[in-house]
Amino acid sequence: MTLSTLRRLSAALLLTLTLSACGDDAIGQCEAYPACNADQTEVESCEEGDESCHENTLCGSTIYCQDIPNECAALPQCEADDAEVESCPTDASCYDVTECGATITCERAA
């Protein structure tokens, strides 16, 4: 390779890197991809007026995320004679009860 060819290649590389850093072409642009939240699922598209479906765009890529319906309506309850408490007293016997993602702490009756 001649010195003149090397200079041209260096100049072309410098120009490419400069353009990439400035966002003037696709080289070196954002490579992240959008994702749905844990309580959503990715769908092909959103129906018009569906407020449970959202467009999510990142780095020029767009996906659609549909909220997963929460059909669980059960509430956690303590066993008979036990009481719900904010936190377990140090001298008590307690246990946690979880239903539909909600958790309470129960103190065992003495």
PDB file of N, CA and C in Angstrom:
ATOM      1  N   MET A   1       0.838  -1.173   0.000  1.00  0.00           N
ATOM      2  CA  MET A   1       0.000   0.000   0.000  1.00  0.00           C
ATOM      3  C   MET A   1       0.881   1.233   0.000  1.00  0.00           C
ATOM      4  N   THR A   2       0.464   2.191  -0.720  1.00  0.00           N
ATOM      5  CA  THR A   2       1.247   3.420  -0.777  1.00  0.00           C
ATOM      6  C   THR A   2       0.832   4.337   0.359  1.00  0.00           C
ATOM      7  N   LEU A   3       1.685   5.284   0.620  1.00  0.00           N
ATOM      8  CA  LEU A   3       1.415   6.255   1.678  1.00  0.00           C
ATOM      9  C   LEU A   3       0.154   7.058   1.373  1.00  0.00           C
ATOM     10  N   SER A   4      -0.072   7.361   0.137  1.00  0.00           N
ATOM     11  CA  SER A   4      -1.258   8.126  -0.261  1.00  0.00           C
ATOM     12  C   SER A   4      -2.540   7.330   0.019  1.00  0.00           C
ATOM     13  N   THR A   5      -2.523   6.038  -0.232  1.00  0.00           N
ATOM     14  CA  THR A   5      -3.685   5.190   0.040  1.00  0.00           C
ATOM     15  C   THR A   5      -3.951   5.111   1.538  1.00  0.00           C
ATOM     16  N   LEU A   6      -2.904   4.971   2.336  1.00  0.00           N
ATOM     17  CA  LEU A   6      -3.051   4.928   3.790  1.00  0.00           C
ATOM     18  C   LEU A   6      -3.643   6.226   4.327  1.00  0.00           C
ATOM     19  N   ARG A   7      -3.215   7.349   3.772  1.00  0.00           N
ATOM     20  CA  ARG A   7      -3.758   8.638   4.212  1.00  0.00           C
ATOM     21  C   ARG A   7      -5.244   8.735   3.894  1.00  0.00           C
ATOM     22  N   ARG A   8      -5.634   8.267   2.704  1.00  0.00           N
ATOM     23  CA  ARG A   8      -7.046   8.305   2.321  1.00  0.00           C
ATOM     24  C   ARG A   8      -7.887   7.407   3.237  1.00  0.00           C
ATOM     25  N   LEU A   9      -7.370   6.222   3.531  1.00  0.00           N
ATOM     26  CA  LEU A   9      -8.088   5.316   4.425  1.00  0.00           C
ATOM     27  C   LEU A   9      -8.208   5.907   5.825  1.00  0.00           C
ATOM     28  N   SER A  10      -7.135   6.523   6.308  1.00  0.00           N
ATOM     29  CA  SER A  10      -7.170   7.159   7.626  1.00  0.00           C
ATOM     30  C   SER A  10      -8.180   8.293   7.655  1.00  0.00           C
ATOM     31  N   ALA A  11      -8.209   9.085   6.613  1.00  0.00           N
ATOM     32  CA  ALA A  11      -9.156  10.197   6.538  1.00  0.00           C
ATOM     33  C   ALA A  11     -10.592   9.672   6.487  1.00  0.00           C
ATOM     34  N   ALA A  12     -10.812   8.606   5.725  1.00  0.00           N
ATOM     35  CA  ALA A  12     -12.154   8.024   5.631  1.00  0.00           C
ATOM     36  C   ALA A  12     -12.589   7.456   6.979  1.00  0.00           C
ATOM     37  N   LEU A  13     -11.672   6.788   7.675  1.00  0.00           N
ATOM     38  CA  LEU A  13     -11.984   6.237   8.989  1.00  0.00           C
ATOM     39  C   LEU A  13     -12.292   7.354   9.978  1.00  0.00           C
ATOM     40  N   LEU A  14     -11.503   8.405   9.978  1.00  0.00           N
ATOM     41  CA  LEU A  14     -11.730   9.535  10.872  1.00  0.00           C
ATOM     42  C   LEU A  14     -13.083  10.185  10.587  1.00  0.00           C
ATOM     43  N   LEU A  15     -13.423  10.354   9.328  1.00  0.00           N
ATOM     44  CA  LEU A  15     -14.709  10.933   8.955  1.00  0.00           C
ATOM     45  C   LEU A  15     -15.860  10.040   9.428  1.00  0.00           C
ATOM     46  N   THR A  16     -15.727   8.733   9.243  1.00  0.00           N
ATOM     47  CA  THR A  16     -16.758   7.790   9.682  1.00  0.00           C
ATOM     48  C   THR A  16     -16.949   7.848  11.184  1.00  0.00           C
ATOM     49  N   LEU A  17     -15.865   7.846  11.940  1.00  0.00           N
ATOM     50  CA  LEU A  17     -15.953   7.905  13.393  1.00  0.00           C
ATOM     51  C   LEU A  17     -16.565   9.220  13.856  1.00  0.00           C
ATOM     52  N   THR A  18     -16.214  10.307  13.195  1.00  0.00           N
ATOM     53  CA  THR A  18     -16.768  11.612  13.544  1.00  0.00           C
ATOM     54  C   THR A  18     -18.267  11.642  13.286  1.00  0.00           C
ATOM     55  N   LEU A  19     -18.688  11.152  12.122  1.00  0.00           N
ATOM     56  CA  LEU A  19     -20.113  11.123  11.800  1.00  0.00           C
ATOM     57  C   LEU A  19     -20.873  10.225  12.767  1.00  0.00           C
ATOM     58  N   SER A  20     -20.276   9.082  13.128  1.00  0.00           N
ATOM     59  CA  SER A  20     -20.936   8.159  14.050  1.00  0.00           C
ATOM     60  C   SER A  20     -21.129   8.794  15.412  1.00  0.00           C
ATOM     61  N   ALA A  21     -20.117   9.470  15.907  1.00  0.00           N
ATOM     62  CA  ALA A  21     -20.197  10.090  17.222  1.00  0.00           C
ATOM     63  C   ALA A  21     -21.236  11.206  17.241  1.00  0.00           C
ATOM     64  N   CYS A  22     -21.421  11.839  16.102  1.00  0.00           N
ATOM     65  CA  CYS A  22     -22.382  12.935  16.026  1.00  0.00           C
ATOM     66  C   CYS A  22     -23.790  12.453  15.701  1.00  0.00           C
ATOM     67  N   GLY A  23     -23.942  11.168  15.404  1.00  0.00           N
ATOM     68  CA  GLY A  23     -25.262  10.633  15.100  1.00  0.00           C
ATOM     69  C   GLY A  23     -25.737  10.941  13.699  1.00  0.00           C
ATOM     70  N   ASP A  24     -24.809  11.245  12.773  1.00  0.00           N
ATOM     71  CA  ASP A  24     -25.212  11.584  11.416  1.00  0.00           C
ATOM     72  C   ASP A  24     -25.371  10.369  10.510  1.00  0.00           C
ATOM     73  N   ASP A  25     -25.030   9.176  10.988  1.00  0.00           N
ATOM     74  CA  ASP A  25     -25.327   7.969  10.222  1.00  0.00           C
ATOM     75  C   ASP A  25     -25.515   6.812  11.192  1.00  0.00           C
ATOM     76  N   ALA A  26     -25.832   5.648  10.673  1.00  0.00           N
ATOM     77  CA  ALA A  26     -26.229   4.526  11.525  1.00  0.00           C
ATOM     78  C   ALA A  26     -25.068   3.861  12.263  1.00  0.00           C
ATOM     79  N   ILE A  27     -23.843   4.102  11.848  1.00  0.00           N
ATOM     80  CA  ILE A  27     -22.709   3.444  12.491  1.00  0.00           C
ATOM     81  C   ILE A  27     -22.532   3.982  13.904  1.00  0.00           C
ATOM     82  N   GLY A  28     -22.437   3.081  14.872  1.00  0.00           N
ATOM     83  CA  GLY A  28     -22.177   3.487  16.245  1.00  0.00           C
ATOM     84  C   GLY A  28     -23.381   4.051  16.968  1.00  0.00           C
ATOM     85  N   GLN A  29     -24.548   3.975  16.369  1.00  0.00           N
ATOM     86  CA  GLN A  29     -25.747   4.487  17.027  1.00  0.00           C
ATOM     87  C   GLN A  29     -26.161   3.537  18.143  1.00  0.00           C
ATOM     88  N   CYS A  30     -27.167   3.919  18.851  1.00  0.00           N
ATOM     89  CA  CYS A  30     -27.697   3.140  19.969  1.00  0.00           C
ATOM     90  C   CYS A  30     -28.038   1.725  19.516  1.00  0.00           C
ATOM     91  N   GLU A  31     -27.591   0.727  20.270  1.00  0.00           N
ATOM     92  CA  GLU A  31     -27.857  -0.659  19.920  1.00  0.00           C
ATOM     93  C   GLU A  31     -28.836  -1.320  20.883  1.00  0.00           C
ATOM     94  N   ALA A  32     -29.407  -0.553  21.802  1.00  0.00           N
ATOM     95  CA  ALA A  32     -30.354  -1.126  22.760  1.00  0.00           C
ATOM     96  C   ALA A  32     -31.667  -1.446  22.057  1.00  0.00           C
ATOM     97  N   TYR A  33     -32.428  -2.385  22.629  1.00  0.00           N
ATOM     98  CA  TYR A  33     -33.725  -2.768  22.077  1.00  0.00           C
ATOM     99  C   TYR A  33     -34.776  -2.576  23.162  1.00  0.00           C
ATOM    100  N   PRO A  34     -35.939  -2.039  22.824  1.00  0.00           N
ATOM    101  CA  PRO A  34     -36.963  -1.824  23.850  1.00  0.00           C
ATOM    102  C   PRO A  34     -37.462  -3.149  24.412  1.00  0.00           C
ATOM    103  N   ALA A  35     -37.970  -3.097  25.637  1.00  0.00           N
ATOM    104  CA  ALA A  35     -38.512  -4.290  26.289  1.00  0.00           C
ATOM    105  C   ALA A  35     -39.760  -3.902  27.074  1.00  0.00           C
ATOM    106  N   CYS A  36     -40.630  -4.868  27.256  1.00  0.00           N
ATOM    107  CA  CYS A  36     -41.834  -4.656  28.064  1.00  0.00           C
ATOM    108  C   CYS A  36     -41.500  -4.866  29.536  1.00  0.00           C
ATOM    109  N   ASN A  37     -42.304  -4.271  30.420  1.00  0.00           N
ATOM    110  CA  ASN A  37     -42.151  -4.474  31.858  1.00  0.00           C
ATOM    111  C   ASN A  37     -42.547  -5.904  32.214  1.00  0.00           C
ATOM    112  N   ALA A  38     -42.222  -6.326  33.437  1.00  0.00           N
ATOM    113  CA  ALA A  38     -42.528  -7.683  33.889  1.00  0.00           C
ATOM    114  C   ALA A  38     -44.029  -7.966  33.902  1.00  0.00           C
ATOM    115  N   ASP A  39     -44.850  -6.933  34.082  1.00  0.00           N
ATOM    116  CA  ASP A  39     -46.302  -7.130  34.124  1.00  0.00           C
ATOM    117  C   ASP A  39     -46.961  -6.873  32.766  1.00  0.00           C
ATOM    118  N   GLN A  40     -46.163  -6.975  31.694  1.00  0.00           N
ATOM    119  CA  GLN A  40     -46.656  -6.768  30.334  1.00  0.00           C
ATOM    120  C   GLN A  40     -46.132  -7.881  29.433  1.00  0.00           C
ATOM    121  N   THR A  41     -46.774  -8.038  28.292  1.00  0.00           N
ATOM    122  CA  THR A  41     -46.309  -8.978  27.284  1.00  0.00           C
ATOM    123  C   THR A  41     -46.231  -8.251  25.942  1.00  0.00           C
ATOM    124  N   GLU A  42     -45.261  -8.614  25.112  1.00  0.00           N
ATOM    125  CA  GLU A  42     -45.103  -7.968  23.809  1.00  0.00           C
ATOM    126  C   GLU A  42     -46.152  -8.511  22.841  1.00  0.00           C
ATOM    127  N   VAL A  43     -46.808  -7.601  22.113  1.00  0.00           N
ATOM    128  CA  VAL A  43     -47.830  -7.968  21.127  1.00  0.00           C
ATOM    129  C   VAL A  43     -47.477  -7.331  19.788  1.00  0.00           C
ATOM    130  N   GLU A  44     -48.139  -7.803  18.721  1.00  0.00           N
ATOM    131  CA  GLU A  44     -47.867  -7.303  17.371  1.00  0.00           C
ATOM    132  C   GLU A  44     -48.240  -5.836  17.208  1.00  0.00           C
ATOM    133  N   SER A  45     -49.378  -5.431  17.782  1.00  0.00           N
ATOM    134  CA  SER A  45     -49.843  -4.048  17.664  1.00  0.00           C
ATOM    135  C   SER A  45     -50.874  -3.777  18.753  1.00  0.00           C
ATOM    136  N   CYS A  46     -51.192  -2.510  18.935  1.00  0.00           N
ATOM    137  CA  CYS A  46     -52.217  -2.103  19.904  1.00  0.00           C
ATOM    138  C   CYS A  46     -53.496  -1.749  19.153  1.00  0.00           C
ATOM    139  N   GLU A  47     -54.625  -2.162  19.724  1.00  0.00           N
ATOM    140  CA  GLU A  47     -55.908  -1.761  19.149  1.00  0.00           C
ATOM    141  C   GLU A  47     -56.182  -0.320  19.537  1.00  0.00           C
ATOM    142  N   GLU A  48     -56.803   0.426  18.643  1.00  0.00           N
ATOM    143  CA  GLU A  48     -57.112   1.830  18.904  1.00  0.00           C
ATOM    144  C   GLU A  48     -58.002   1.957  20.137  1.00  0.00           C
ATOM    145  N   GLY A  49     -57.632   2.841  21.048  1.00  0.00           N
ATOM    146  CA  GLY A  49     -58.409   3.083  22.249  1.00  0.00           C
ATOM    147  C   GLY A  49     -58.103   2.138  23.401  1.00  0.00           C
ATOM    148  N   ASP A  50     -57.223   1.161  23.202  1.00  0.00           N
ATOM    149  CA  ASP A  50     -56.874   0.210  24.265  1.00  0.00           C
ATOM    150  C   ASP A  50     -55.825   0.844  25.169  1.00  0.00           C
ATOM    151  N   GLU A  51     -56.257   1.289  26.345  1.00  0.00           N
ATOM    152  CA  GLU A  51     -55.350   1.982  27.261  1.00  0.00           C
ATOM    153  C   GLU A  51     -54.415   1.037  27.998  1.00  0.00           C
ATOM    154  N   SER A  52     -54.608  -0.272  27.849  1.00  0.00           N
ATOM    155  CA  SER A  52     -53.718  -1.230  28.500  1.00  0.00           C
ATOM    156  C   SER A  52     -52.580  -1.661  27.578  1.00  0.00           C
ATOM    157  N   CYS A  53     -52.514  -1.062  26.396  1.00  0.00           N
ATOM    158  CA  CYS A  53     -51.462  -1.367  25.427  1.00  0.00           C
ATOM    159  C   CYS A  53     -50.663  -0.095  25.166  1.00  0.00           C
ATOM    160  N   HIS A  54     -49.340  -0.237  25.175  1.00  0.00           N
ATOM    161  CA  HIS A  54     -48.480   0.938  25.067  1.00  0.00           C
ATOM    162  C   HIS A  54     -47.379   0.707  24.042  1.00  0.00           C
ATOM    163  N   GLU A  55     -47.053   1.757  23.314  1.00  0.00           N
ATOM    164  CA  GLU A  55     -45.935   1.744  22.385  1.00  0.00           C
ATOM    165  C   GLU A  55     -44.663   2.035  23.170  1.00  0.00           C
ATOM    166  N   ASN A  56     -43.609   1.279  22.911  1.00  0.00           N
ATOM    167  CA  ASN A  56     -42.337   1.460  23.601  1.00  0.00           C
ATOM    168  C   ASN A  56     -41.241   1.565  22.543  1.00  0.00           C
ATOM    169  N   THR A  57     -40.617   2.739  22.438  1.00  0.00           N
ATOM    170  CA  THR A  57     -39.595   2.979  21.429  1.00  0.00           C
ATOM    171  C   THR A  57     -38.261   3.276  22.092  1.00  0.00           C
ATOM    172  N   LEU A  58     -37.212   2.650  21.581  1.00  0.00           N
ATOM    173  CA  LEU A  58     -35.860   2.872  22.078  1.00  0.00           C
ATOM    174  C   LEU A  58     -34.897   2.678  20.927  1.00  0.00           C
ATOM    175  N   CYS A  59     -34.052   3.643  20.705  1.00  0.00           N
ATOM    176  CA  CYS A  59     -33.009   3.565  19.668  1.00  0.00           C
ATOM    177  C   CYS A  59     -33.574   3.257  18.284  1.00  0.00           C
ATOM    178  N   GLY A  60     -34.725   3.816  17.984  1.00  0.00           N
ATOM    179  CA  GLY A  60     -35.294   3.647  16.655  1.00  0.00           C
ATOM    180  C   GLY A  60     -36.112   2.382  16.464  1.00  0.00           C
ATOM    181  N   SER A  61     -36.164   1.499  17.454  1.00  0.00           N
ATOM    182  CA  SER A  61     -36.981   0.283  17.377  1.00  0.00           C
ATOM    183  C   SER A  61     -38.228   0.476  18.229  1.00  0.00           C
ATOM    184  N   THR A  62     -39.357   0.033  17.716  1.00  0.00           N
ATOM    185  CA  THR A  62     -40.624   0.171  18.435  1.00  0.00           C
ATOM    186  C   THR A  62     -41.259  -1.196  18.633  1.00  0.00           C
ATOM    187  N   ILE A  63     -41.736  -1.439  19.857  1.00  0.00           N
ATOM    188  CA  ILE A  63     -42.519  -2.632  20.159  1.00  0.00           C
ATOM    189  C   ILE A  63     -43.797  -2.181  20.858  1.00  0.00           C
ATOM    190  N   TYR A  64     -44.746  -3.089  21.000  1.00  0.00           N
ATOM    191  CA  TYR A  64     -46.003  -2.795  21.673  1.00  0.00           C
ATOM    192  C   TYR A  64     -46.133  -3.723  22.875  1.00  0.00           C
ATOM    193  N   CYS A  65     -46.468  -3.139  24.017  1.00  0.00           N
ATOM    194  CA  CYS A  65     -46.552  -3.885  25.266  1.00  0.00           C
ATOM    195  C   CYS A  65     -47.980  -3.847  25.798  1.00  0.00           C
ATOM    196  N   GLN A  66     -48.543  -5.027  26.035  1.00  0.00           N
ATOM    197  CA  GLN A  66     -49.912  -5.177  26.541  1.00  0.00           C
ATOM    198  C   GLN A  66     -49.840  -5.544  28.016  1.00  0.00           C
ATOM    199  N   ASP A  67     -50.579  -4.789  28.856  1.00  0.00           N
ATOM    200  CA  ASP A  67     -50.635  -5.123  30.277  1.00  0.00           C
ATOM    201  C   ASP A  67     -51.239  -6.513  30.445  1.00  0.00           C
ATOM    202  N   ILE A  68     -50.671  -7.309  31.354  1.00  0.00           N
ATOM    203  CA  ILE A  68     -51.217  -8.625  31.666  1.00  0.00           C
ATOM    204  C   ILE A  68     -52.330  -8.424  32.687  1.00  0.00           C
ATOM    205  N   PRO A  69     -53.543  -8.881  32.377  1.00  0.00           N
ATOM    206  CA  PRO A  69     -54.643  -8.660  33.315  1.00  0.00           C
ATOM    207  C   PRO A  69     -54.402  -9.388  34.635  1.00  0.00           C
ATOM    208  N   ASN A  70     -54.707  -8.706  35.718  1.00  0.00           N
ATOM    209  CA  ASN A  70     -54.593  -9.293  37.046  1.00  0.00           C
ATOM    210  C   ASN A  70     -55.999  -9.683  37.481  1.00  0.00           C
ATOM    211  N   GLU A  71     -56.321 -10.955  37.306  1.00  0.00           N
ATOM    212  CA  GLU A  71     -57.666 -11.426  37.603  1.00  0.00           C
ATOM    213  C   GLU A  71     -57.788 -11.950  39.028  1.00  0.00           C
ATOM    214  N   CYS A  72     -56.737 -11.880  39.779  1.00  0.00           N
ATOM    215  CA  CYS A  72     -56.741 -12.384  41.143  1.00  0.00           C
ATOM    216  C   CYS A  72     -57.353 -11.332  42.064  1.00  0.00           C
ATOM    217  N   ALA A  73     -58.396 -11.706  42.775  1.00  0.00           N
ATOM    218  CA  ALA A  73     -59.072 -10.757  43.655  1.00  0.00           C
ATOM    219  C   ALA A  73     -59.007 -11.176  45.121  1.00  0.00           C
ATOM    220  N   ALA A  74     -58.333 -12.292  45.403  1.00  0.00           N
ATOM    221  CA  ALA A  74     -58.270 -12.784  46.783  1.00  0.00           C
ATOM    222  C   ALA A  74     -57.412 -11.867  47.648  1.00  0.00           C
ATOM    223  N   LEU A  75     -57.814 -11.717  48.898  1.00  0.00           N
ATOM    224  CA  LEU A  75     -57.057 -10.921  49.862  1.00  0.00           C
ATOM    225  C   LEU A  75     -56.451 -11.855  50.900  1.00  0.00           C
ATOM    226  N   PRO A  76     -55.223 -11.596  51.323  1.00  0.00           N
ATOM    227  CA  PRO A  76     -54.621 -12.461  52.338  1.00  0.00           C
ATOM    228  C   PRO A  76     -55.344 -12.308  53.672  1.00  0.00           C
ATOM    229  N   GLN A  77     -55.497 -13.423  54.380  1.00  0.00           N
ATOM    230  CA  GLN A  77     -56.162 -13.413  55.684  1.00  0.00           C
ATOM    231  C   GLN A  77     -55.390 -14.298  56.649  1.00  0.00           C
ATOM    232  N   CYS A  78     -55.386 -13.890  57.895  1.00  0.00           N
ATOM    233  CA  CYS A  78     -54.749 -14.688  58.946  1.00  0.00           C
ATOM    234  C   CYS A  78     -55.642 -15.880  59.284  1.00  0.00           C
ATOM    235  N   GLU A  79     -55.029 -16.910  59.858  1.00  0.00           N
ATOM    236  CA  GLU A  79     -55.804 -18.065  60.322  1.00  0.00           C
ATOM    237  C   GLU A  79     -56.725 -17.623  61.464  1.00  0.00           C
ATOM    238  N   ALA A  80     -57.750 -18.432  61.734  1.00  0.00           N
ATOM    239  CA  ALA A  80     -58.721 -18.111  62.791  1.00  0.00           C
ATOM    240  C   ALA A  80     -58.000 -17.857  64.111  1.00  0.00           C
ATOM    241  N   ASP A  81     -58.422 -16.849  64.838  1.00  0.00           N
ATOM    242  CA  ASP A  81     -57.891 -16.436  66.149  1.00  0.00           C
ATOM    243  C   ASP A  81     -56.547 -15.701  66.071  1.00  0.00           C
ATOM    244  N   ASP A  82     -55.892 -15.671  64.907  1.00  0.00           N
ATOM    245  CA  ASP A  82     -54.632 -14.932  64.763  1.00  0.00           C
ATOM    246  C   ASP A  82     -54.942 -13.512  64.309  1.00  0.00           C
ATOM    247  N   ALA A  83     -54.010 -12.595  64.546  1.00  0.00           N
ATOM    248  CA  ALA A  83     -54.255 -11.178  64.234  1.00  0.00           C
ATOM    249  C   ALA A  83     -53.215 -10.644  63.248  1.00  0.00           C
ATOM    250  N   GLU A  84     -53.687  -9.803  62.337  1.00  0.00           N
ATOM    251  CA  GLU A  84     -52.770  -9.134  61.410  1.00  0.00           C
ATOM    252  C   GLU A  84     -52.020  -8.041  62.160  1.00  0.00           C
ATOM    253  N   VAL A  85     -50.695  -7.963  61.953  1.00  0.00           N
ATOM    254  CA  VAL A  85     -49.861  -6.945  62.599  1.00  0.00           C
ATOM    255  C   VAL A  85     -48.975  -6.286  61.550  1.00  0.00           C
ATOM    256  N   GLU A  86     -48.567  -5.044  61.826  1.00  0.00           N
ATOM    257  CA  GLU A  86     -47.665  -4.329  60.912  1.00  0.00           C
ATOM    258  C   GLU A  86     -46.290  -4.985  60.894  1.00  0.00           C
ATOM    259  N   SER A  87     -45.794  -5.332  62.080  1.00  0.00           N
ATOM    260  CA  SER A  87     -44.520  -6.044  62.198  1.00  0.00           C
ATOM    261  C   SER A  87     -44.616  -6.966  63.405  1.00  0.00           C
ATOM    262  N   CYS A  88     -43.852  -8.021  63.373  1.00  0.00           N
ATOM    263  CA  CYS A  88     -43.936  -9.038  64.415  1.00  0.00           C
ATOM    264  C   CYS A  88     -43.220  -8.571  65.686  1.00  0.00           C
ATOM    265  N   PRO A  89     -43.912  -8.561  66.829  1.00  0.00           N
ATOM    266  CA  PRO A  89     -43.244  -8.224  68.093  1.00  0.00           C
ATOM    267  C   PRO A  89     -42.131  -9.241  68.375  1.00  0.00           C
ATOM    268  N   THR A  90     -41.107  -8.815  69.078  1.00  0.00           N
ATOM    269  CA  THR A  90     -39.942  -9.684  69.305  1.00  0.00           C
ATOM    270  C   THR A  90     -40.285 -10.943  70.090  1.00  0.00           C
ATOM    271  N   ASP A  91     -41.280 -10.894  70.945  1.00  0.00           N
ATOM    272  CA  ASP A  91     -41.612 -12.056  71.774  1.00  0.00           C
ATOM    273  C   ASP A  91     -42.793 -12.866  71.213  1.00  0.00           C
ATOM    274  N   ALA A  92     -43.153 -12.649  69.961  1.00  0.00           N
ATOM    275  CA  ALA A  92     -44.324 -13.309  69.378  1.00  0.00           C
ATOM    276  C   ALA A  92     -43.920 -14.298  68.291  1.00  0.00           C
ATOM    277  N   SER A  93     -44.853 -15.164  67.962  1.00  0.00           N
ATOM    278  CA  SER A  93     -44.693 -16.097  66.850  1.00  0.00           C
ATOM    279  C   SER A  93     -45.545 -15.573  65.694  1.00  0.00           C
ATOM    280  N   CYS A  94     -44.909 -15.322  64.566  1.00  0.00           N
ATOM    281  CA  CYS A  94     -45.617 -14.716  63.429  1.00  0.00           C
ATOM    282  C   CYS A  94     -45.377 -15.516  62.157  1.00  0.00           C
ATOM    283  N   TYR A  95     -46.198 -15.245  61.164  1.00  0.00           N
ATOM    284  CA  TYR A  95     -46.049 -15.856  59.848  1.00  0.00           C
ATOM    285  C   TYR A  95     -46.621 -14.892  58.811  1.00  0.00           C
ATOM    286  N   ASP A  96     -46.176 -15.049  57.572  1.00  0.00           N
ATOM    287  CA  ASP A  96     -46.662 -14.215  56.471  1.00  0.00           C
ATOM    288  C   ASP A  96     -47.679 -14.997  55.648  1.00  0.00           C
ATOM    289  N   VAL A  97     -48.666 -14.281  55.135  1.00  0.00           N
ATOM    290  CA  VAL A  97     -49.664 -14.863  54.235  1.00  0.00           C
ATOM    291  C   VAL A  97     -49.667 -14.014  52.964  1.00  0.00           C
ATOM    292  N   THR A  98     -49.550 -14.685  51.811  1.00  0.00           N
ATOM    293  CA  THR A  98     -49.538 -13.980  50.526  1.00  0.00           C
ATOM    294  C   THR A  98     -50.672 -14.499  49.649  1.00  0.00           C
ATOM    295  N   GLU A  99     -51.409 -13.582  49.069  1.00  0.00           N
ATOM    296  CA  GLU A  99     -52.462 -13.886  48.097  1.00  0.00           C
ATOM    297  C   GLU A  99     -52.415 -12.826  47.012  1.00  0.00           C
ATOM    298  N   CYS A 100     -52.388 -13.241  45.765  1.00  0.00           N
ATOM    299  CA  CYS A 100     -52.455 -12.324  44.619  1.00  0.00           C
ATOM    300  C   CYS A 100     -51.409 -11.212  44.694  1.00  0.00           C
ATOM    301  N   GLY A 101     -50.247 -11.529  45.193  1.00  0.00           N
ATOM    302  CA  GLY A 101     -49.168 -10.550  45.246  1.00  0.00           C
ATOM    303  C   GLY A 101     -49.178  -9.653  46.464  1.00  0.00           C
ATOM    304  N   ALA A 102     -50.205  -9.747  47.322  1.00  0.00           N
ATOM    305  CA  ALA A 102     -50.271  -8.948  48.551  1.00  0.00           C
ATOM    306  C   ALA A 102     -49.868  -9.838  49.727  1.00  0.00           C
ATOM    307  N   THR A 103     -49.035  -9.306  50.618  1.00  0.00           N
ATOM    308  CA  THR A 103     -48.551 -10.071  51.769  1.00  0.00           C
ATOM    309  C   THR A 103     -48.880  -9.339  53.061  1.00  0.00           C
ATOM    310  N   ILE A 104     -49.350 -10.097  54.051  1.00  0.00           N
ATOM    311  CA  ILE A 104     -49.584  -9.546  55.388  1.00  0.00           C
ATOM    312  C   ILE A 104     -48.814 -10.398  56.393  1.00  0.00           C
ATOM    313  N   THR A 105     -48.571  -9.837  57.560  1.00  0.00           N
ATOM    314  CA  THR A 105     -47.932 -10.562  58.657  1.00  0.00           C
ATOM    315  C   THR A 105     -48.988 -10.838  59.713  1.00  0.00           C
ATOM    316  N   CYS A 106     -49.014 -12.069  60.188  1.00  0.00           N
ATOM    317  CA  CYS A 106     -49.998 -12.478  61.197  1.00  0.00           C
ATOM    318  C   CYS A 106     -49.277 -12.934  62.463  1.00  0.00           C
ATOM    319  N   GLU A 107     -49.829 -12.532  63.596  1.00  0.00           N
ATOM    320  CA  GLU A 107     -49.303 -12.957  64.898  1.00  0.00           C
ATOM    321  C   GLU A 107     -50.177 -14.097  65.409  1.00  0.00           C
ATOM    322  N   ARG A 108     -49.524 -15.195  65.795  1.00  0.00           N
ATOM    323  CA  ARG A 108     -50.268 -16.348  66.316  1.00  0.00           C
ATOM    324  C   ARG A 108     -50.876 -16.005  67.673  1.00  0.00           C
ATOM    325  N   ALA A 109     -52.094 -16.492  67.885  1.00  0.00           N
ATOM    326  CA  ALA A 109     -52.769 -16.276  69.174  1.00  0.00           C
ATOM    327  C   ALA A 109     -52.017 -17.043  70.260  1.00  0.00           C
ATOM    328  N   ALA A 110     -51.965 -16.463  71.439  1.00  0.00           N
ATOM    329  CA  ALA A 110     -51.228 -17.094  72.546  1.00  0.00           C
ATOM    330  C   ALA A 110     -51.967 -18.268  73.118  1.00  0.00           C
TER     331      ALA A 110
END
